[in-house]
Structure formats: C-alpha cells, structure tokens
Amino acid sequence: MGSPPQRKTQRKPQQEPHPGVITTGQTATRTSTATTARTDLTLAIAQPPPTPTVIVKERAMVVDISKFIFLRHLRAEPTSHVLFFKDGSLKDSGAGLAFWFLPLGASVSVVPLDDRELPFLFKGRSSDFQDVTVNGAVVWRVKTPEELARRVDFSVDTESGAYQKEPLDRIAAAVGQAAQQLASEFLNKSALRAILDDGVEVIRGAIHDGLVVDAGLRSMGVEIVATRVSSVLPTSEMEKALQMPAREHIQQQADQATFQRRALAVEKERAIQENELSNQIELAKREETLIAQRGQNERRRATETAESKRIEAEAAAKNIKLNAEAQADSIRVLEDAKVNAEKERMDIYKELSSSTMMGLAARELAGKLQNIEHLTLSPDMLGSLLQRVLGAGAKKLEADAE
C-alpha cells in the first residue's frame, strides 16, 4: 500500500470582497464591522485596506483512497454505494466495493446508504393568525442510489476521498423545505386551539404522509423512514394566556379542596364541640345526681345524727329522771327520817319540864358560846329563869330526901 491519503485543499480565486464578509466554502457570512466616526486621514491613506479572511471548510473523507505510484486503491464501507465511471461509462456499481483504478479519466461517486436524521425547527402561523413553533426531526435514506447520483453530484476527489461538493446538504435542504411546507400548510388550515388539542401526533402524521408521497423526493430516490415531532408550541404570551384557564380551573379545584377541607374541619370541630357539650351535659347530670345523692346522704346522716342525739338525749333525760327520782326518793326517805326523828325528839321534849328544857337550852348555848359575840339578858328573862332553876333544884332535893 502507498502512503496515507492526502487531503487537498482547494482555494477559490479571490474576488473583490465586500468589507466585513467571511467566506466559508460557498457560504458568505456578513459580520458587523466597527468603524469610528473620527479617523486620521493620513493613517487611513498610509495603511493598506484589510485583506478579507477566507476560511475553507475541509470536507470529510467518505471513502479510503490509497496511492501506489500511478495507481489508486479505493475502499468503501458497506453503508456506502460506489459508482465507478471510466471515460463517462459506468464500470462498476455496488455497496462496500474495493478496487484498483487509474485516476486518469476516472470518476467516482459515493452515495451513503445509512439512515440520516434531519432536525428541524419550523415557525408557522395558524388560521387564527397565531405563531406556532414545530420542533422535530425527519429520518431519511437513499432508496435508489443510481437514480440519486444522476440527480445530485456525489463525486469524490480521487486523491482525498472527500466530496467535491455538498450533496448531503442539498438533500437535507430539499427534505427540510418539503417538511416545512407541509407543516405550514397544516398550521394554516387549523386554529391554534385545535392544533394544541390534537397534539403532536396529528401534525407528525401530516408531515410524514406528505413526505412519503412527495413526488420530488421519490423521483430523487429518497425514502422517508420516520418523522418525529417533539413539540408544538405557541408564543410565550399565548402559552401563558392558554395556561391561565387551566391554572384558574386548577386553582378553583384547589380552593374547592381547601374549602371542603375547612368545611370538614369545621364539621369535625362542631362534632367535637357537640361531643364536648354532650360530655359536659352528661357530667353536669352526673354531678347533679352526685349532689342530690350527697344531699340525701347528708340529710340521712343529719337525720340519723339527730335521731341518735335524740335517743342519747332521751336516754340522758331518762337517766337524769331516774337519778332525780332516785335522789328524790333518797331525799324523801332522809327527810322522812329526819322528820320522824325530829318528831320523836319533839315528842320527847313535850314530856320534859320547862326547867329541863332550859337546861338543855343552856347546854346547847354553852356549846355555841365560841360563836356568840354578844349576849343580852333582860331582868325579866333572867328572873324567871333563875326562879325555874331554883324551883327545879328544890324539887330535886326533895326527891332525894324522900
């Protein structure tokens, strides 16, 4: 095998550039250039004008081409269909070919056979004049590579193995424009609410069905494998406006749930209060019963206490009465005995003479002389007393004499 393939960079002839333009391949991009209002004229004349920068995009190698003196060896991947032309005639065609060839008068086209994914982001307008953005991707592949090679230039450089042009970008542009047209037609026929209500599946089906039956793509030999639509979105202001009813509905449901929760809480609180009130009423009734029972018990206790005290008082009274009667009986017996004794004494005194009585009185008086402070004797009393004493003494003497 020869040395590794060399990449050849082709530079386009310089054209009179527009100031501030950067060219990449076949694409020119305008860039803003900052200029000052005041510029020194002398410096502007002395300095040469700026040279435009040309950036050449290096194309990726699609087949492996090796050199060996004057010969070339081409090797393609199984996912690449190679068409080898020699002096304008098709010499070989197939997928994953590998062969030697002379570059003089030879032309090679390589058509990819693998699936290619093309992302897209389309902006359209609905029938009610609302902007809508469709985001998705289209997967396509080459169905008839020979037919596509006749419509699009897939020729590669026999030295570098890279495309001389950008055929894949052209096909992608065709597929993207067709998808954008189908999406725009669908959006223009539907109102925004219907588009959002139907969802991405309806617009995906419309784009996919339109691309499958597209005559231009079918004539080129391109087949649509799949179509995906990830989102269909209105503008942010419209999205907020559309979200507002749902938010209000959800908020109403939340408020309703809150009200129901509060009502349930109030109902439970009422039930709790009623339960507490019932408990208080029951406790009050029980307390009333308890107070009545206590009062009854106290009355019974007081009645029993009073009865017991009455019985005690009656017993005490009976005892006192019995004691009094016994004491009265004893006093009566004693007094009767005293009376009888006094009576017997009086009866004895009745039989005594006056002189005896006087003697006894004198003896009694003599026994109490210590207690007598003053004694007054009159002559009449003393004379009669002496007479009696003397008479009694005389009588006694007479009696002794006999």
Protein backbone atom coordinates (compact mmCIF):
# COMPACT_ATOMS: atom_id res chain seq x y z
CA MET A 1 0.00 0.00 0.00
CA GLY A 2 1.15 3.56 -0.69
CA SER A 3 1.38 6.43 1.69
CA PRO A 4 -1.74 7.51 3.58
CA PRO A 5 -4.22 9.56 1.59
CA GLN A 6 -3.50 13.23 1.40
CA ARG A 7 -6.19 15.84 1.67
CA LYS A 8 -6.18 18.52 -0.94
CA THR A 9 -7.41 21.95 -0.05
CA GLN A 10 -8.87 23.91 -2.88
CA ARG A 11 -8.95 27.69 -2.68
CA LYS A 12 -11.32 29.64 -4.78
CA PRO A 13 -9.98 32.56 -6.83
CA GLN A 14 -10.05 35.75 -4.90
CA GLN A 15 -12.92 38.02 -5.72
CA GLU A 16 -13.41 41.60 -4.74
CA PRO A 17 -14.71 41.06 -1.23
CA HIS A 18 -17.26 43.13 0.50
CA PRO A 19 -15.86 44.68 3.69
CA GLY A 20 -16.63 42.57 6.73
CA VAL A 21 -17.54 39.32 4.85
CA ILE A 22 -16.03 35.97 5.85
CA THR A 23 -16.41 33.24 3.21
CA THR A 24 -16.59 29.54 4.23
CA GLY A 25 -16.72 27.20 1.21
CA GLN A 26 -19.60 28.53 -0.86
CA THR A 27 -21.21 30.34 2.00
CA ALA A 28 -20.55 34.02 2.77
CA THR A 29 -21.47 35.40 6.17
CA ARG A 30 -21.82 39.08 6.86
CA THR A 31 -20.25 40.32 10.03
CA SER A 32 -20.63 43.69 11.54
CA THR A 33 -17.57 45.94 11.31
CA ALA A 34 -16.99 48.60 13.86
CA THR A 35 -15.85 51.92 12.40
CA THR A 36 -15.03 55.11 14.23
CA ALA A 37 -16.52 58.45 13.30
CA ARG A 38 -13.20 60.23 13.53
CA THR A 39 -10.27 58.70 11.61
CA ASP A 40 -6.88 60.15 10.91
CA LEU A 41 -6.80 60.70 7.12
CA THR A 42 -3.04 60.30 6.92
CA LEU A 43 -3.10 56.92 8.68
CA ALA A 44 -6.01 55.80 6.54
CA ILE A 45 -4.04 56.53 3.38
CA ALA A 46 -0.80 55.01 4.67
CA GLN A 47 -2.35 51.72 5.85
CA PRO A 48 -3.40 49.24 3.17
CA PRO A 49 -7.01 48.04 3.14
CA PRO A 50 -7.68 44.90 5.22
CA THR A 51 -7.44 41.60 3.37
CA PRO A 52 -10.64 39.56 3.62
CA THR A 53 -10.28 36.29 5.52
CA VAL A 54 -11.31 33.24 3.55
CA ILE A 55 -11.92 30.11 5.59
CA VAL A 56 -12.08 26.93 3.54
CA LYS A 57 -14.06 24.11 5.07
CA GLU A 58 -12.31 20.76 4.92
CA ARG A 59 -14.69 18.11 3.68
CA ALA A 60 -14.78 14.79 5.47
CA MET A 61 -13.40 11.72 3.72
CA VAL A 62 -16.17 9.32 2.67
CA VAL A 63 -14.00 6.58 1.11
CA ASP A 64 -10.48 5.41 1.75
CA ILE A 65 -8.24 6.08 -1.31
CA SER A 66 -4.62 4.98 -1.19
CA LYS A 67 -1.82 5.77 -3.64
CA PHE A 68 0.67 3.35 -5.17
CA ILE A 69 2.79 5.02 -7.86
CA PHE A 70 0.26 5.80 -10.60
CA LEU A 71 -2.47 3.56 -9.23
CA ARG A 72 -5.23 4.28 -6.69
CA HIS A 73 -6.93 1.86 -4.40
CA LEU A 74 -10.47 2.64 -3.26
CA ARG A 75 -12.16 1.00 -0.30
CA ALA A 76 -15.71 1.89 0.74
CA GLU A 77 -17.77 0.99 3.79
CA PRO A 78 -20.77 -1.36 3.50
CA THR A 79 -23.08 1.62 4.09
CA SER A 80 -21.72 3.44 1.01
CA HIS A 81 -22.79 2.74 -2.58
CA VAL A 82 -19.90 3.34 -5.01
CA LEU A 83 -20.40 4.18 -8.72
CA PHE A 84 -17.14 3.94 -10.70
CA PHE A 85 -17.11 5.70 -14.08
CA LYS A 86 -14.33 5.37 -16.67
CA ASP A 87 -14.34 7.70 -19.65
CA GLY A 88 -18.02 8.52 -18.97
CA SER A 89 -19.19 4.91 -18.73
CA LEU A 90 -20.34 3.13 -15.60
CA LYS A 91 -17.84 0.33 -14.96
CA ASP A 92 -18.82 -0.83 -11.50
CA SER A 93 -21.61 -0.15 -9.01
CA GLY A 94 -22.28 -1.59 -5.58
CA ALA A 95 -22.05 -1.19 -1.83
CA GLY A 96 -18.77 -1.61 0.04
CA LEU A 97 -16.62 -2.03 -3.08
CA ALA A 98 -12.80 -2.17 -3.05
CA PHE A 99 -10.76 -1.97 -6.28
CA TRP A 100 -7.69 -0.53 -8.02
CA PHE A 101 -8.01 2.12 -10.67
CA LEU A 102 -6.09 4.69 -12.66
CA PRO A 103 -7.16 8.25 -11.81
CA LEU A 104 -6.75 9.41 -15.41
CA GLY A 105 -10.27 9.52 -16.94
CA ALA A 106 -11.83 8.00 -13.83
CA SER A 107 -14.74 9.39 -11.79
CA VAL A 108 -16.07 8.04 -8.55
CA SER A 109 -19.43 8.80 -6.88
CA VAL A 110 -20.23 7.60 -3.39
CA VAL A 111 -23.85 7.61 -2.22
CA PRO A 112 -24.47 6.90 1.53
CA LEU A 113 -26.99 4.17 2.27
CA ASP A 114 -27.36 4.63 6.03
CA ASP A 115 -30.24 6.47 7.69
CA ARG A 116 -29.78 10.20 8.05
CA GLU A 117 -31.56 12.30 10.66
CA LEU A 118 -32.51 15.89 9.86
CA PRO A 119 -33.63 18.00 12.85
CA PHE A 120 -35.97 20.86 12.07
CA LEU A 121 -37.48 23.83 13.83
CA PHE A 122 -40.29 25.45 11.88
CA LYS A 123 -42.27 28.56 12.69
CA GLY A 124 -45.69 28.89 11.13
CA ARG A 125 -48.96 30.73 11.61
CA SER A 126 -52.31 29.19 12.42
CA SER A 127 -55.60 30.06 10.78
CA ASP A 128 -56.35 32.48 13.63
CA PHE A 129 -53.02 34.30 12.98
CA GLN A 130 -51.10 32.90 15.92
CA ASP A 131 -47.42 31.99 15.67
CA VAL A 132 -46.64 28.33 16.26
CA THR A 133 -43.26 26.61 16.52
CA VAL A 134 -42.88 22.98 15.44
CA ASN A 135 -39.83 21.09 16.62
CA GLY A 136 -38.91 17.61 15.44
CA ALA A 137 -36.75 15.51 13.10
CA VAL A 138 -37.04 13.58 9.83
CA VAL A 139 -35.12 10.35 9.21
CA TRP A 140 -34.44 9.67 5.51
CA ARG A 141 -32.29 7.32 3.49
CA VAL A 142 -31.33 6.69 -0.13
CA LYS A 143 -33.53 4.07 -1.77
CA THR A 144 -32.15 4.13 -5.34
CA PRO A 145 -28.55 5.37 -5.23
CA GLU A 146 -28.01 5.30 -9.01
CA GLU A 147 -31.08 7.45 -9.56
CA LEU A 148 -29.97 9.90 -6.87
CA ALA A 149 -26.44 10.04 -8.28
CA ARG A 150 -27.92 11.19 -11.60
CA ARG A 151 -29.82 13.99 -9.83
CA VAL A 152 -27.23 15.08 -7.28
CA ASP A 153 -23.47 15.26 -7.66
CA PHE A 154 -21.90 12.72 -5.26
CA SER A 155 -18.49 12.73 -6.92
CA VAL A 156 -15.46 12.42 -4.67
CA ASP A 157 -11.89 13.55 -5.11
CA THR A 158 -9.75 10.65 -6.31
CA GLU A 159 -6.88 11.75 -4.11
CA SER A 160 -8.55 12.71 -0.79
CA GLY A 161 -11.71 10.62 -0.97
CA ALA A 162 -13.88 13.59 0.10
CA TYR A 163 -16.89 15.04 -1.63
CA GLN A 164 -16.13 17.74 -4.11
CA LYS A 165 -19.47 19.40 -3.31
CA GLU A 166 -22.08 19.19 -0.57
CA PRO A 167 -24.68 16.71 -1.84
CA LEU A 168 -25.97 15.74 1.59
CA ASP A 169 -26.71 19.36 2.43
CA ARG A 170 -28.70 19.68 -0.78
CA ILE A 171 -30.78 16.60 0.02
CA ALA A 172 -31.25 17.77 3.59
CA ALA A 173 -32.37 21.17 2.31
CA ALA A 174 -34.88 19.53 -0.02
CA VAL A 175 -36.27 17.31 2.72
CA GLY A 176 -36.37 20.20 5.20
CA GLN A 177 -38.15 22.55 2.80
CA ALA A 178 -40.73 19.89 1.97
CA ALA A 179 -41.34 19.23 5.68
CA GLN A 180 -41.59 22.96 6.38
CA GLN A 181 -44.10 23.41 3.56
CA LEU A 182 -46.24 20.56 4.84
CA ALA A 183 -46.11 21.89 8.40
CA SER A 184 -47.03 25.40 7.24
CA GLU A 185 -49.98 24.07 5.22
CA PHE A 186 -51.24 22.12 8.17
CA LEU A 187 -50.86 25.10 10.52
CA ASN A 188 -52.56 27.49 8.10
CA LYS A 189 -55.64 25.25 7.93
CA SER A 190 -56.09 24.80 11.70
CA ALA A 191 -56.79 27.09 14.58
CA LEU A 192 -54.36 27.31 17.44
CA ARG A 193 -56.68 25.63 19.92
CA ALA A 194 -57.28 22.72 17.51
CA ILE A 195 -53.54 22.36 16.88
CA LEU A 196 -52.75 22.24 20.58
CA ASP A 197 -55.69 19.97 21.34
CA ASP A 198 -54.81 17.48 18.59
CA GLY A 199 -51.23 17.33 19.81
CA VAL A 200 -48.05 16.41 18.02
CA GLU A 201 -49.34 13.11 16.64
CA VAL A 202 -51.65 14.72 14.07
CA ILE A 203 -49.08 17.15 12.73
CA ARG A 204 -46.45 14.40 12.72
CA GLY A 205 -48.74 12.22 10.62
CA ALA A 206 -49.44 15.10 8.26
CA ILE A 207 -45.72 15.80 7.74
CA HIS A 208 -44.77 12.14 7.43
CA ASP A 209 -47.58 11.27 4.99
CA GLY A 210 -46.79 14.32 2.89
CA LEU A 211 -43.07 13.48 2.71
CA VAL A 212 -43.73 9.83 1.83
CA VAL A 213 -45.88 10.76 -1.17
CA ASP A 214 -43.77 13.76 -2.20
CA ALA A 215 -43.07 13.38 -5.91
CA GLY A 216 -39.84 15.31 -5.86
CA LEU A 217 -38.25 13.18 -3.16
CA ARG A 218 -39.47 9.96 -4.74
CA SER A 219 -38.08 10.94 -8.12
CA MET A 220 -34.71 11.64 -6.48
CA GLY A 221 -34.72 8.17 -4.91
CA VAL A 222 -35.02 9.40 -1.32
CA GLU A 223 -37.17 7.42 1.12
CA ILE A 224 -38.62 8.79 4.35
CA VAL A 225 -38.01 6.35 7.19
CA ALA A 226 -39.62 8.14 10.13
CA THR A 227 -40.84 11.51 11.26
CA ARG A 228 -40.82 12.73 14.85
CA VAL A 229 -42.39 15.87 16.28
CA SER A 230 -41.26 16.57 19.81
CA SER A 231 -43.26 19.73 20.49
CA VAL A 232 -45.79 22.17 19.05
CA LEU A 233 -45.57 25.41 20.99
CA PRO A 234 -47.22 28.81 20.67
CA THR A 235 -45.55 32.03 21.69
CA SER A 236 -44.77 32.55 25.34
CA GLU A 237 -47.51 35.18 25.74
CA MET A 238 -50.09 32.97 24.07
CA GLU A 239 -48.93 29.98 26.10
CA LYS A 240 -49.42 31.94 29.29
CA ALA A 241 -52.86 33.03 28.09
CA LEU A 242 -53.79 29.44 27.26
CA GLN A 243 -52.44 28.20 30.55
CA MET A 244 -54.47 30.74 32.50
CA PRO A 245 -57.88 28.92 32.27
CA ALA A 246 -56.27 25.64 33.26
CA ARG A 247 -54.46 27.35 36.10
CA GLU A 248 -57.67 29.04 37.18
CA HIS A 249 -59.51 25.72 37.00
CA ILE A 250 -56.80 24.01 38.99
CA GLN A 251 -56.79 26.92 41.42
CA GLN A 252 -60.56 26.64 41.73
CA GLN A 253 -60.21 22.95 42.39
CA ALA A 254 -57.53 23.72 44.94
CA ASP A 255 -59.75 26.37 46.53
CA GLN A 256 -62.67 23.95 46.47
CA ALA A 257 -60.49 21.32 48.10
CA THR A 258 -59.39 23.93 50.63
CA PHE A 259 -62.99 24.93 51.31
CA GLN A 260 -64.02 21.30 51.62
CA ARG A 261 -61.11 20.68 53.96
CA ARG A 262 -62.07 23.73 56.00
CA ALA A 263 -65.73 22.69 55.98
CA LEU A 264 -64.75 19.22 57.05
CA ALA A 265 -62.52 20.71 59.72
CA VAL A 266 -65.40 22.96 60.88
CA GLU A 267 -67.76 19.99 60.84
CA LYS A 268 -65.29 17.95 62.83
CA GLU A 269 -64.77 20.88 65.18
CA ARG A 270 -68.56 21.19 65.57
CA ALA A 271 -68.81 17.47 66.21
CA ILE A 272 -66.00 17.76 68.74
CA GLN A 273 -67.70 20.71 70.43
CA GLU A 274 -71.03 18.86 70.43
CA ASN A 275 -69.29 15.86 71.88
CA GLU A 276 -67.66 18.05 74.50
CA LEU A 277 -71.01 19.72 75.22
CA SER A 278 -72.68 16.32 75.49
CA ASN A 279 -69.91 15.23 77.80
CA GLN A 280 -70.36 18.39 79.86
CA ILE A 281 -74.15 17.84 79.99
CA GLU A 282 -73.61 14.26 80.99
CA LEU A 283 -71.07 15.34 83.57
CA ALA A 284 -73.47 18.02 84.83
CA LYS A 285 -76.24 15.42 85.10
CA ARG A 286 -73.93 13.09 86.91
CA GLU A 287 -72.78 15.97 89.11
CA GLU A 288 -76.43 16.83 89.80
CA THR A 289 -77.10 13.22 90.66
CA LEU A 290 -73.98 13.22 92.79
CA ILE A 291 -75.02 16.42 94.58
CA ALA A 292 -78.52 15.04 95.13
CA GLN A 293 -77.07 11.81 96.41
CA ARG A 294 -74.67 13.75 98.59
CA GLY A 295 -77.56 15.89 99.90
CA GLN A 296 -79.62 12.80 100.52
CA ASN A 297 -76.68 11.23 102.25
CA GLU A 298 -76.14 14.38 104.32
CA ARG A 299 -79.84 14.53 105.18
CA ARG A 300 -79.78 10.91 106.07
CA ARG A 301 -76.61 11.44 108.05
CA ALA A 302 -78.14 14.50 109.77
CA THR A 303 -81.38 12.61 110.39
CA GLU A 304 -79.50 9.69 111.77
CA THR A 305 -77.29 12.04 113.79
CA ALA A 306 -80.32 13.92 115.12
CA GLU A 307 -82.05 10.63 115.83
CA SER A 308 -79.02 9.34 117.60
CA LYS A 309 -78.71 12.59 119.54
CA ARG A 310 -82.43 12.46 120.34
CA ILE A 311 -82.04 8.94 121.55
CA GLU A 312 -79.00 9.98 123.53
CA ALA A 313 -80.91 12.98 124.93
CA GLU A 314 -83.87 10.80 125.78
CA ALA A 315 -81.56 8.31 127.38
CA ALA A 316 -79.78 11.10 129.23
CA ALA A 317 -83.14 12.58 130.26
CA LYS A 318 -84.32 9.21 131.38
CA ASN A 319 -81.11 8.76 133.26
CA ILE A 320 -81.46 12.20 134.82
CA LYS A 321 -85.07 11.48 135.65
CA LEU A 322 -84.16 8.18 137.14
CA ASN A 323 -81.33 9.81 139.03
CA ALA A 324 -83.63 12.62 140.16
CA GLU A 325 -86.31 10.20 141.17
CA ALA A 326 -83.76 8.10 143.00
CA GLN A 327 -82.29 11.21 144.59
CA ALA A 328 -85.77 12.50 145.44
CA ASP A 329 -86.65 9.14 146.90
CA SER A 330 -83.47 9.16 148.91
CA ILE A 331 -84.10 12.77 149.98
CA ARG A 332 -87.68 11.91 150.79
CA VAL A 333 -86.60 8.93 152.88
CA LEU A 334 -83.93 11.01 154.52
CA GLU A 335 -86.27 13.89 155.21
CA ASP A 336 -88.91 11.48 156.45
CA ALA A 337 -86.32 10.01 158.75
CA LYS A 338 -85.32 13.46 159.88
CA VAL A 339 -88.93 14.45 160.38
CA ASN A 340 -89.63 11.28 162.26
CA ALA A 341 -86.52 11.80 164.36
CA GLU A 342 -87.45 15.42 164.96
CA LYS A 343 -90.96 14.33 165.73
CA GLU A 344 -89.74 11.77 168.15
CA ARG A 345 -87.46 14.42 169.65
CA MET A 346 -90.33 16.83 169.92
CA ASP A 347 -92.38 14.17 171.49
CA ILE A 348 -89.56 13.71 173.99
CA TYR A 349 -89.36 17.45 174.54
CA LYS A 350 -93.11 17.57 175.16
CA GLU A 351 -92.70 15.34 178.17
CA LEU A 352 -89.78 17.38 179.62
CA SER A 353 -90.33 20.12 182.09
CA SER A 354 -89.54 23.69 181.42
CA SER A 355 -86.55 23.60 183.64
CA THR A 356 -85.16 20.67 181.77
CA MET A 357 -85.76 22.47 178.62
CA MET A 358 -83.94 25.45 179.98
CA GLY A 359 -81.06 23.24 180.96
CA LEU A 360 -80.84 21.73 177.60
CA ALA A 361 -81.00 25.17 176.05
CA ALA A 362 -78.25 26.31 178.34
CA ARG A 363 -76.16 23.32 177.42
CA GLU A 364 -76.82 24.00 173.78
CA LEU A 365 -75.94 27.62 174.36
CA ALA A 366 -72.77 26.67 176.15
CA GLY A 367 -71.73 24.54 173.20
CA LYS A 368 -72.02 27.58 170.96
CA LEU A 369 -70.52 30.23 173.15
CA GLN A 370 -67.48 30.43 170.92
CA ASN A 371 -69.68 31.59 168.06
CA ILE A 372 -71.69 34.12 170.11
CA GLU A 373 -70.11 37.56 170.22
CA HIS A 374 -72.86 39.46 172.14
CA LEU A 375 -75.49 38.13 174.58
CA THR A 376 -78.15 40.30 176.09
CA LEU A 377 -80.12 39.04 179.16
CA SER A 378 -83.08 41.06 180.42
CA PRO A 379 -84.08 41.03 184.14
CA ASP A 380 -87.43 39.50 183.40
CA MET A 381 -85.98 36.63 181.49
CA LEU A 382 -83.20 36.12 183.99
CA GLY A 383 -85.50 36.27 187.00
CA SER A 384 -87.95 33.81 185.65
CA LEU A 385 -85.08 31.59 184.54
CA LEU A 386 -83.47 31.67 187.92
CA GLN A 387 -86.79 31.00 189.53
CA ARG A 388 -87.23 27.99 187.43
CA VAL A 389 -83.73 26.76 188.14
CA LEU A 390 -84.12 27.22 191.75
CA GLY A 391 -87.53 25.53 191.76
CA ALA A 392 -86.07 22.63 189.84
CA GLY A 393 -83.19 22.37 192.31
CA ALA A 394 -85.58 22.38 195.21
CA LYS A 395 -87.69 19.69 193.74
CA LYS A 396 -84.64 17.57 193.18
CA LEU A 397 -83.55 17.99 196.74
CA GLU A 398 -86.99 16.94 197.98
CA ALA A 399 -86.88 13.98 195.87
CA ASP A 400 -83.53 12.96 197.24
CA ALA A 401 -84.69 13.49 200.77
CA GLU A 402 -87.56 11.05 200.41
